[in-house]
Amino acid sequence: MDPISAADELTDRELLQRARAGEAVCFGEFYRRRRGAVLAFLRPRVASPELAADLMCETFASALVTVHEPCRELPREPIAWLVAIARNELLDAWRRGRVAERARRRLALEPLALGDEDLVAVDDAAANADLLAQLADELPPDQLHALSAHLFEERGYPEIARELGCSQAVVRKRVSRALTTLRANRGAST
């Protein structure tokens, strides 16, 4: 199995462990999976999609710096850890009046250049976050998590099942029940 395919099957924590061991593709997969969640957290809190994207870049650069410091413990809950880093980057940017670039400079990363499509994607991530907040009132947490991972993060049933420690059939059932609940609630409100 090639490294990219193998990375698809790992949990976030396993991706970070392998990235620390030198498998760069694993951090790339972690970024691919979680960039939407970080943007969804940041976008409603800043004035522009460009600023959200800059903060997201610094968030992942800071995370990568941490991953490559063997004396630092890897997080047990990687998504919560990322949001905490994003929050700290956001607070630092508010205090300074600009986005810090210390982690990106340390890694010698170029600034991110965004096109119109990228800016739309940032705003879409924020819209998904708003929708998820609304859905949280209508769905049990297990159904919300499965639906979010499948629809918004575009992750497959096998990956979600591994993450949750259950079968693919259970994940499919949770997604199906969530959609049924949402249809019923929407039908009742019209």
Foldseek 3Di string as FASTA:
>chain_A
DDPLVVLLQDDLLVLLQVVLVPPVSSLVVNCLQQLLVQLLLCVVVDDALLQSVQLSVQLSLVVSVQSNPVVHDDDPDVNVVSNVSSVVQVVVCVVVVHGDCVSCVVVVHDGDDDDPVSRVSSVVSNVVSVVLVVLPVQADPLLSVLLCCCPVSVRDLSNVCVNVVHHSVVSVVSPVVSVVSVVVVVVVVD
